[in-house]
């Protein structure tokens, strides 16, 4: 029986020869990730169902990454991190990327400069970027996490999906999860992106085609000759937003570029583990197939109030803006900021613009990367971007009112983030428009939505 990539991964993980979409399978999990928002709840369910003295199924396969509500003076948010620390100490969990190094309690000081880090050497930043940076994403594996954008890891040729606290607690105790096998939609990418167009435009274009519910409980599989020219960051951007079309997971076939990234990250972080790459069968059945010509795409914007409200940047230049924001698991990677810097170099933004790197590693790379004698970080600051070294999710999920970049008023914002439903970044009446780093940068210079091709040399 011919199987898609998702089907083959889940068949192996459930130790059967084949699976059929719609069937249920008890799947063995390779990595369970949780963070400060859902981790305490998951721990609570785990203890309730398995007992106060229960042990996790494998402390080497549980990865805990505080990242969401970190740099805030909200005491309950700070306490969530302390709950994680206590659990890790009790369970002997190896991979806990704590905010602090001294094992005390976490308290954010809002009076310290944004240019000074308030985190220790262990802190890793946004979970979906930290997982691959630290070597926890591997082709052929099953990775689940208590966050809808866990599907980002599908960029590395694995099955990755977000789950709720109850399912996560079951995984925590047993190492397994009951899944319904999803049907697979296949997106064949051909050609290459033209100037001013980025990976964000690919996924916004696709979601605009199929709708924000067009892939509900389906696997989105990406392949085709156009993938070869895409960096791992590009693939992560596309996979990240599969859930914005309702997908169960989004997955790319692993290739030499995947293996190089995965192997280097694992070597650098001491997380080397054998893995086996899985390829889809030729002749596998897909419930939907589409060919996307990358060379025909334009800078794209998802208008408020959902990611499927697609238009081109050129077509909505009359939309005035109050704020621009670059950051998150979707748009806070090194390449995203470097793209932004290419647009604003030597210019000044005319609206409030906030920049939040996804991880401390991104901060280091931006400060080290030279661009004509100036680092990318310098270029951004000189252009008037409010940059913070406090890497994390920040305003992408709104957060407490003192969250950096949060929309505390009904502002019109253009953002590199992944979700623009009402209230997503703070105020319920704020209007959020999603776009690529190129388009957000051009719009920050113009004060309205702008086509980045007008600003790139």
Protein backbone atom coordinates (compact mmCIF):
# COMPACT_ATOMS: atom_id res chain seq x y z
CA UNK A 1 0.00 0.00 0.00
CA UNK A 2 1.38 3.41 -1.03
CA UNK A 3 1.57 5.96 1.79
CA UNK A 4 2.17 9.68 2.10
CA UNK A 5 5.00 11.04 4.24
CA UNK A 6 2.76 11.60 7.28
CA UNK A 7 1.21 8.15 6.93
CA UNK A 8 4.60 6.44 6.73
CA UNK A 9 5.95 8.26 9.78
CA UNK A 10 2.87 7.41 11.84
CA UNK A 11 2.85 3.79 10.63
CA UNK A 12 6.40 3.28 11.85
CA UNK A 13 5.72 5.09 15.13
CA UNK A 14 2.72 2.82 15.78
CA UNK A 15 4.64 -0.31 14.71
CA UNK A 16 2.30 -1.37 11.93
CA UNK A 17 2.96 -1.99 8.25
CA UNK A 18 0.54 0.64 7.06
CA UNK A 19 -2.12 3.09 8.18
CA UNK A 20 -5.23 4.40 6.46
CA UNK A 21 -6.59 7.97 6.80
CA UNK A 22 -9.47 8.01 9.26
CA UNK A 23 -8.17 5.08 11.28
CA UNK A 24 -6.90 5.56 14.83
CA UNK A 25 -3.39 4.56 15.90
CA UNK A 26 -1.54 4.48 19.20
CA UNK A 27 1.62 6.37 18.29
CA UNK A 28 4.92 6.38 20.17
CA UNK A 29 6.26 9.88 20.76
CA UNK A 30 9.93 10.82 20.34
CA UNK A 31 9.74 14.31 21.85
CA UNK A 32 7.15 16.03 24.05
CA UNK A 33 7.59 19.79 24.35
CA UNK A 34 5.78 22.08 26.74
CA UNK A 35 6.24 25.68 27.88
CA UNK A 36 5.29 28.13 30.61
CA UNK A 37 1.71 28.73 29.44
CA UNK A 38 0.59 25.09 29.19
CA UNK A 39 3.27 23.30 31.19
CA UNK A 40 1.81 23.92 34.66
CA UNK A 41 -1.61 22.73 33.51
CA UNK A 42 -0.13 19.63 31.89
CA UNK A 43 1.81 18.86 35.07
CA UNK A 44 -1.37 19.24 37.10
CA UNK A 45 -3.29 16.76 34.92
CA UNK A 46 -0.32 14.36 34.94
CA UNK A 47 -0.23 14.31 38.74
CA UNK A 48 -3.99 14.01 39.03
CA UNK A 49 -4.22 11.05 36.67
CA UNK A 50 -0.97 9.22 37.37
CA UNK A 51 -0.42 10.16 41.01
CA UNK A 52 1.60 12.75 42.92
CA UNK A 53 4.66 10.48 42.93
CA UNK A 54 4.39 9.36 39.27
CA UNK A 55 7.44 9.56 37.03
CA UNK A 56 7.49 10.80 33.45
CA UNK A 57 7.90 8.07 30.84
CA UNK A 58 11.36 9.26 29.72
CA UNK A 59 13.07 12.37 31.17
CA UNK A 60 15.38 12.43 28.12
CA UNK A 61 12.46 12.93 25.72
CA UNK A 62 10.69 15.74 27.54
CA UNK A 63 11.79 19.25 26.49
CA UNK A 64 10.55 22.20 28.55
CA UNK A 65 11.03 25.70 27.18
CA UNK A 66 9.62 28.77 28.97
CA UNK A 67 9.07 31.45 26.32
CA UNK A 68 5.60 33.01 26.23
CA UNK A 69 4.92 35.27 29.23
CA UNK A 70 8.49 35.71 30.45
CA UNK A 71 9.52 39.35 30.39
CA UNK A 72 6.60 40.72 32.36
CA UNK A 73 6.19 41.80 35.97
CA UNK A 74 2.96 39.79 36.20
CA UNK A 75 3.55 37.59 39.26
CA UNK A 76 1.43 34.68 38.04
CA UNK A 77 3.37 34.51 34.80
CA UNK A 78 6.65 34.52 36.70
CA UNK A 79 5.33 31.80 38.99
CA UNK A 80 4.60 29.53 36.02
CA UNK A 81 8.31 29.35 35.30
CA UNK A 82 9.01 28.43 38.92
CA UNK A 83 6.46 25.59 38.70
CA UNK A 84 8.30 24.19 35.70
CA UNK A 85 11.63 24.42 37.53
CA UNK A 86 10.28 22.53 40.55
CA UNK A 87 8.88 19.77 38.34
CA UNK A 88 12.12 19.43 36.39
CA UNK A 89 14.16 19.13 39.58
CA UNK A 90 11.83 16.44 40.92
CA UNK A 91 11.69 14.44 37.69
CA UNK A 92 15.32 14.78 36.57
CA UNK A 93 14.33 16.24 33.20
CA UNK A 94 17.48 16.92 31.23
CA UNK A 95 16.30 19.45 28.68
CA UNK A 96 14.93 22.42 30.60
CA UNK A 97 15.92 25.76 29.09
CA UNK A 98 15.42 27.86 32.20
CA UNK A 99 15.25 31.64 32.21
CA UNK A 100 17.77 31.84 35.07
CA UNK A 101 20.89 29.87 35.92
CA UNK A 102 20.93 29.99 39.72
CA UNK A 103 17.92 27.74 40.39
CA UNK A 104 16.16 30.40 42.48
CA UNK A 105 12.90 32.07 41.53
CA UNK A 106 12.15 34.05 38.38
CA UNK A 107 11.25 37.72 38.75
CA UNK A 108 11.31 40.17 35.87
CA UNK A 109 12.58 43.69 36.57
CA UNK A 110 10.73 46.17 34.30
CA UNK A 111 13.13 48.98 35.24
CA UNK A 112 16.15 47.40 33.56
CA UNK A 113 17.18 48.53 30.09
CA UNK A 114 15.82 46.62 27.10
CA UNK A 115 19.41 46.44 25.88
CA UNK A 116 20.39 44.28 28.85
CA UNK A 117 19.39 40.61 28.94
CA UNK A 118 17.44 39.40 31.94
CA UNK A 119 18.11 35.75 31.29
CA UNK A 120 20.84 33.23 31.94
CA UNK A 121 22.97 31.04 29.70
CA UNK A 122 20.36 28.26 29.57
CA UNK A 123 17.47 30.36 28.26
CA UNK A 124 16.55 29.38 24.70
CA UNK A 125 13.73 31.70 23.62
CA UNK A 126 10.73 30.79 21.46
CA UNK A 127 10.16 27.04 21.66
CA UNK A 128 9.54 26.42 17.95
CA UNK A 129 12.85 28.03 17.00
CA UNK A 130 14.73 26.75 20.04
CA UNK A 131 13.79 23.12 19.32
CA UNK A 132 15.72 22.99 16.02
CA UNK A 133 18.48 25.30 17.29
CA UNK A 134 19.15 22.91 20.17
CA UNK A 135 19.01 19.78 18.02
CA UNK A 136 15.64 18.35 19.07
CA UNK A 137 14.10 18.10 15.58
CA UNK A 138 14.94 15.01 13.51
CA UNK A 139 13.57 13.53 10.27
CA UNK A 140 11.23 10.58 10.67
CA UNK A 141 10.34 11.27 14.29
CA UNK A 142 7.11 12.22 16.07
CA UNK A 143 7.19 15.48 18.02
CA UNK A 144 4.19 16.81 19.91
CA UNK A 145 3.91 20.01 21.90
CA UNK A 146 1.40 22.00 23.91
CA UNK A 147 1.29 24.77 21.35
CA UNK A 148 -0.55 24.96 18.04
CA UNK A 149 2.54 26.09 16.14
CA UNK A 150 4.46 22.92 17.03
CA UNK A 151 3.80 22.06 13.37
CA UNK A 152 6.85 24.23 12.63
CA UNK A 153 9.09 21.20 13.20
CA UNK A 154 7.54 19.52 10.17
CA UNK A 155 10.10 21.53 8.18
CA UNK A 156 12.59 18.86 9.24
CA UNK A 157 10.78 15.88 7.74
CA UNK A 158 9.01 14.78 10.91
CA UNK A 159 5.42 14.57 12.13
CA UNK A 160 4.90 17.51 14.48
CA UNK A 161 1.62 18.72 15.90
CA UNK A 162 0.14 20.73 18.74
CA UNK A 163 -1.86 18.97 21.46
CA UNK A 164 -3.82 19.97 24.56
CA UNK A 165 -2.86 19.62 28.20
CA UNK A 166 -4.78 16.39 28.73
CA UNK A 167 -3.18 14.63 25.76
CA UNK A 168 0.21 15.99 26.81
CA UNK A 169 -0.25 14.61 30.32
CA UNK A 170 -1.03 11.18 28.85
CA UNK A 171 2.13 11.38 26.73
CA UNK A 172 4.08 12.51 29.79
CA UNK A 173 3.03 9.36 31.60
CA UNK A 174 3.07 6.79 28.79
CA UNK A 175 5.11 8.11 25.88
CA UNK A 176 2.21 7.46 23.53
CA UNK A 177 -0.74 9.30 22.02
CA UNK A 178 -3.89 8.14 20.24
CA UNK A 179 -4.16 9.87 16.87
CA UNK A 180 -6.57 9.73 13.98
CA UNK A 181 -4.57 9.39 10.77
CA UNK A 182 -5.09 12.56 8.70
CA UNK A 183 -5.65 12.71 4.97
CA UNK A 184 -2.83 14.47 3.13
CA UNK A 185 -2.93 17.51 0.87
CA UNK A 186 0.06 17.85 -1.45
CA UNK A 187 1.52 21.21 -2.48
CA UNK A 188 4.04 21.01 -5.30
CA UNK A 189 6.32 24.07 -5.23
CA UNK A 190 7.98 24.91 -8.54
CA UNK A 191 10.16 27.79 -9.72
CA UNK A 192 11.94 30.32 -7.52
CA UNK A 193 10.82 33.38 -5.60
CA UNK A 194 11.40 36.73 -7.29
CA UNK A 195 12.84 39.83 -5.62
CA UNK A 196 10.87 41.17 -2.68
CA UNK A 197 8.99 37.90 -2.15
CA UNK A 198 9.63 35.61 0.83
CA UNK A 199 8.51 32.30 2.33
CA UNK A 200 5.79 34.10 4.29
CA UNK A 201 4.23 35.07 0.97
CA UNK A 202 4.10 31.39 -0.05
CA UNK A 203 2.04 30.28 2.91
CA UNK A 204 -0.18 33.38 2.90
CA UNK A 205 -0.90 32.69 -0.77
CA UNK A 206 -1.78 29.05 -0.05
CA UNK A 207 -4.02 29.89 2.92
CA UNK A 208 -5.72 32.51 0.77
CA UNK A 209 -6.43 29.77 -1.78
CA UNK A 210 -7.80 27.09 0.54
CA UNK A 211 -9.16 29.21 3.40
CA UNK A 212 -8.36 29.27 7.11
CA UNK A 213 -10.27 25.98 7.49
CA UNK A 214 -9.26 24.45 4.16
CA UNK A 215 -6.86 21.91 5.68
CA UNK A 216 -8.82 21.06 8.83
CA UNK A 217 -7.37 17.88 10.38
CA UNK A 218 -5.32 17.17 7.28
CA UNK A 219 -1.60 16.90 6.68
CA UNK A 220 -0.10 19.53 4.40
CA UNK A 221 2.86 18.01 2.55
CA UNK A 222 5.25 20.26 0.62
CA UNK A 223 7.49 19.01 -2.15
CA UNK A 224 8.60 19.77 -5.66
CA UNK A 225 11.69 21.28 -7.24
CA UNK A 226 11.04 24.69 -5.68
CA UNK A 227 11.87 23.36 -2.20
CA UNK A 228 15.55 22.90 -3.04
CA UNK A 229 16.17 26.66 -3.07
CA UNK A 230 14.39 27.20 0.25
CA UNK A 231 16.47 27.57 3.40
CA UNK A 232 15.49 25.72 6.56
CA UNK A 233 14.19 29.01 7.94
CA UNK A 234 11.99 29.37 4.85
CA UNK A 235 10.57 25.88 5.35
CA UNK A 236 9.96 26.58 9.03
CA UNK A 237 7.97 29.71 8.12
CA UNK A 238 5.75 27.74 5.76
CA UNK A 239 5.26 24.76 8.09
CA UNK A 240 4.59 27.07 11.04
CA UNK A 241 1.44 28.49 9.49
CA UNK A 242 -0.07 25.20 8.36
CA UNK A 243 -2.23 25.34 11.46
CA UNK A 244 -3.64 28.67 10.25
CA UNK A 245 -5.42 26.62 7.58
CA UNK A 246 -6.56 24.12 10.23
CA UNK A 247 -3.92 21.50 9.40
CA UNK A 248 -3.06 18.70 11.81
CA UNK A 249 0.54 18.95 10.64
CA UNK A 250 2.66 20.40 7.86
CA UNK A 251 5.68 18.54 6.57
CA UNK A 252 8.53 18.87 4.09
CA UNK A 253 10.50 15.96 2.69
CA UNK A 254 13.97 15.92 4.26
CA UNK A 255 16.97 16.51 1.96
CA UNK A 256 20.69 17.20 2.25
CA UNK A 257 20.03 20.69 3.59
CA UNK A 258 17.80 19.24 6.30
CA UNK A 259 20.42 16.71 7.34
CA UNK A 260 23.18 19.33 7.44
CA UNK A 261 21.12 21.59 9.72
CA UNK A 262 19.96 18.80 12.03
CA UNK A 263 23.38 17.21 12.37
CA UNK A 264 25.17 20.51 13.02
CA UNK A 265 22.66 21.58 15.68
CA UNK A 266 22.84 18.23 17.45
CA UNK A 267 26.64 18.21 17.42
CA UNK A 268 26.81 21.77 18.77
CA UNK A 269 24.40 21.05 21.64
CA UNK A 270 25.21 17.49 22.62
CA UNK A 271 21.83 16.21 21.46
CA UNK A 272 23.02 13.71 18.86
CA UNK A 273 20.65 10.80 18.43
CA UNK A 274 20.28 8.36 15.51
CA UNK A 275 17.37 8.99 13.16
CA UNK A 276 16.02 7.50 9.98
CA UNK A 277 14.74 9.68 7.17
CA UNK A 278 11.41 8.63 5.70
CA UNK A 279 10.27 9.39 2.17
CA UNK A 280 6.74 9.30 0.78
CA UNK A 281 5.86 6.48 -1.57
CA UNK A 282 5.65 7.21 -5.27
CA UNK A 283 2.00 6.86 -6.21
CA UNK A 284 0.67 7.74 -2.74
CA UNK A 285 -2.92 9.01 -2.70
CA UNK A 286 -3.52 12.65 -1.83
CA UNK A 287 -6.94 14.08 -1.07
CA UNK A 288 -5.94 17.36 -2.72
CA UNK A 289 -3.06 18.40 -4.98
CA UNK A 290 -1.94 21.86 -6.02
CA UNK A 291 1.02 23.31 -7.90
CA UNK A 292 2.34 26.66 -6.69
CA UNK A 293 4.56 28.57 -9.11
CA UNK A 294 6.84 30.50 -6.77
CA UNK A 295 8.00 32.84 -9.54
CA UNK A 296 4.44 34.15 -9.97
CA UNK A 297 3.94 35.15 -6.34
CA UNK A 298 3.84 38.78 -5.21
CA UNK A 299 4.36 40.38 -1.78
CA UNK A 300 1.22 39.26 0.02
CA UNK A 301 -0.77 40.54 3.00
CA UNK A 302 -3.37 38.78 5.15
CA UNK A 303 -5.80 41.48 6.15
CA UNK A 304 -7.64 41.62 9.47
CA UNK A 305 -9.37 39.57 10.88
CA UNK A 306 -7.99 36.18 9.77
CA UNK A 307 -5.00 34.74 7.87
CA UNK A 308 -7.03 33.80 4.79
CA UNK A 309 -7.95 37.42 3.93
CA UNK A 310 -5.35 37.53 1.17
CA UNK A 311 -4.46 40.45 -1.00
CA UNK A 312 -1.26 41.89 -2.44
CA UNK A 313 0.77 44.59 -0.76
CA UNK A 314 0.43 46.67 -3.89
CA UNK A 315 -3.37 46.49 -3.76
CA UNK A 316 -3.76 47.79 -0.21
CA UNK A 317 -1.36 50.73 -0.12
CA UNK A 318 -4.17 52.97 1.16
CA UNK A 319 -4.26 51.10 4.51
CA UNK A 320 -2.77 53.43 7.11
CA UNK A 321 -0.72 51.96 9.95
CA UNK A 322 0.13 52.92 13.52
CA UNK A 323 2.64 50.19 14.25
CA UNK A 324 4.96 47.62 12.70
CA UNK A 325 6.17 44.50 14.48
CA UNK A 326 8.83 41.94 13.59
CA UNK A 327 9.21 38.84 15.71
CA UNK A 328 7.66 35.49 16.73
CA UNK A 329 8.32 31.90 15.69
CA UNK A 330 7.14 32.83 12.19
CA UNK A 331 9.04 36.07 11.66
CA UNK A 332 11.67 36.44 14.38
CA UNK A 333 14.48 34.32 12.91
CA UNK A 334 17.87 35.65 11.88
CA UNK A 335 17.02 35.67 8.18
CA UNK A 336 13.78 37.55 8.89
CA UNK A 337 15.63 40.38 10.63
CA UNK A 338 18.35 40.45 7.98
CA UNK A 339 15.67 40.84 5.31
CA UNK A 340 14.08 43.65 7.31
CA UNK A 341 17.48 45.34 7.63
CA UNK A 342 18.04 45.22 3.85
CA UNK A 343 14.91 47.32 3.35
CA UNK A 344 15.46 49.92 6.09
CA UNK A 345 19.23 50.33 5.78
CA UNK A 346 20.07 54.04 5.68
CA UNK A 347 16.43 55.05 6.18
CA UNK A 348 14.12 55.80 9.14
CA UNK A 349 10.82 54.21 10.03
CA UNK A 350 7.92 56.67 10.39
CA UNK A 351 5.70 54.62 12.74
CA UNK A 352 6.40 52.86 16.03
CA UNK A 353 8.27 49.70 15.09
CA UNK A 354 9.14 46.89 17.50
CA UNK A 355 11.65 44.10 16.99
CA UNK A 356 11.72 40.95 19.13
CA UNK A 357 14.26 38.26 18.16
CA UNK A 358 12.95 34.73 18.63
CA UNK A 359 15.96 33.41 20.54
CA UNK A 360 19.18 34.57 22.21
CA UNK A 361 21.03 32.88 19.35
CA UNK A 362 19.24 35.20 16.91
CA UNK A 363 20.32 38.18 19.04
CA UNK A 364 23.95 37.03 18.88
CA UNK A 365 23.83 36.43 15.14
CA UNK A 366 22.25 39.81 14.42
CA UNK A 367 24.85 41.61 16.48
CA UNK A 368 27.68 39.71 14.80
CA UNK A 369 26.48 39.80 11.21
CA UNK A 370 28.27 42.53 9.29
CA UNK A 371 26.38 44.42 6.61
CA UNK A 372 28.69 46.91 4.96
CA UNK A 373 30.59 47.48 8.20
CA UNK A 374 27.51 47.61 10.42
CA UNK A 375 25.80 44.67 12.06
CA UNK A 376 22.20 43.97 11.17
CA UNK A 377 21.31 44.94 14.74
CA UNK A 378 22.99 48.34 14.26
CA UNK A 379 21.13 48.91 11.00
CA UNK A 380 17.79 48.22 12.68
CA UNK A 381 18.47 50.48 15.67
CA UNK A 382 19.74 53.29 13.44
CA UNK A 383 16.54 53.01 11.39
CA UNK A 384 14.50 53.67 14.53
CA UNK A 385 13.38 50.12 15.30
CA UNK A 386 12.74 49.53 19.04
CA UNK A 387 14.84 46.41 19.52
CA UNK A 388 14.93 44.27 22.65
CA UNK A 389 17.39 41.53 23.59
CA UNK A 390 14.63 39.89 25.64
CA UNK A 391 14.03 37.17 23.08
CA UNK A 392 10.66 35.44 23.33
CA UNK A 393 7.08 35.37 22.13
CA UNK A 394 6.34 38.88 23.46
CA UNK A 395 3.32 40.55 21.83
CA UNK A 396 2.53 37.77 19.36
CA UNK A 397 0.15 36.28 21.92
CA UNK A 398 -0.76 39.57 23.57
CA UNK A 399 0.27 38.78 27.12
CA UNK A 400 0.09 41.00 30.21
CA UNK A 401 -0.22 44.74 29.56
CA UNK A 402 3.51 45.42 30.14
CA UNK A 403 4.54 42.99 27.38
CA UNK A 404 7.00 44.59 24.95
CA UNK A 405 5.24 45.72 21.76
CA UNK A 406 1.76 44.72 22.94
CA UNK A 407 -1.18 46.51 21.30
CA UNK A 408 -2.74 48.19 24.33
CA UNK A 409 -4.88 50.45 22.15
CA UNK A 410 -7.03 49.85 19.04
CA UNK A 411 -4.12 50.37 16.67
CA UNK A 412 -3.59 49.28 13.08
CA UNK A 413 -0.51 47.04 12.98
CA UNK A 414 1.41 45.15 10.31
CA UNK A 415 3.27 42.17 11.68
CA UNK A 416 5.46 39.21 10.76
CA UNK A 417 3.54 37.05 13.25
CA UNK A 418 1.23 34.19 12.32
CA UNK A 419 -2.25 34.99 13.63
CA UNK A 420 -4.43 38.08 13.34
CA UNK A 421 -7.75 37.22 14.96
CA UNK A 422 -9.28 40.02 17.09
CA UNK A 423 -7.39 40.41 20.37
CA UNK A 424 -4.46 38.25 19.31
CA UNK A 425 -1.81 40.88 20.01
CA UNK A 426 -3.64 42.64 22.84
CA UNK A 427 -6.50 45.07 22.37
CA UNK A 428 -9.65 43.40 20.98
CA UNK A 429 -10.26 46.27 18.58
CA UNK A 430 -6.74 46.41 17.17
CA UNK A 431 -6.39 45.51 13.49
CA UNK A 432 -3.54 43.16 12.62
CA UNK A 433 -2.24 42.63 9.09
CA UNK A 434 0.19 39.76 8.44
CA UNK A 435 3.05 40.05 5.99
CA UNK A 436 6.65 39.11 5.29
CA UNK A 437 9.62 40.90 6.90
CA UNK A 438 10.24 42.68 3.58
CA UNK A 439 6.68 43.99 3.44
CA UNK A 440 6.56 44.93 7.13
CA UNK A 441 9.83 46.85 6.75
CA UNK A 442 8.62 48.76 3.69
CA UNK A 443 5.36 49.56 5.46
CA UNK A 444 7.23 50.85 8.52
CA UNK A 445 9.06 53.27 6.23
CA UNK A 446 5.88 54.36 4.45
CA UNK A 447 3.39 54.56 7.32
CA UNK A 448 0.95 52.51 5.27
CA UNK A 449 1.02 49.05 3.75
CA UNK A 450 3.68 49.18 1.07
CA UNK A 451 5.16 46.96 -1.64
CA UNK A 452 8.77 46.14 -0.65
CA UNK A 453 9.83 46.04 -4.30
CA UNK A 454 9.57 49.81 -4.26
CA UNK A 455 12.22 49.97 -1.51
CA UNK A 456 14.68 47.22 -2.42
CA UNK A 457 17.61 48.14 -4.60
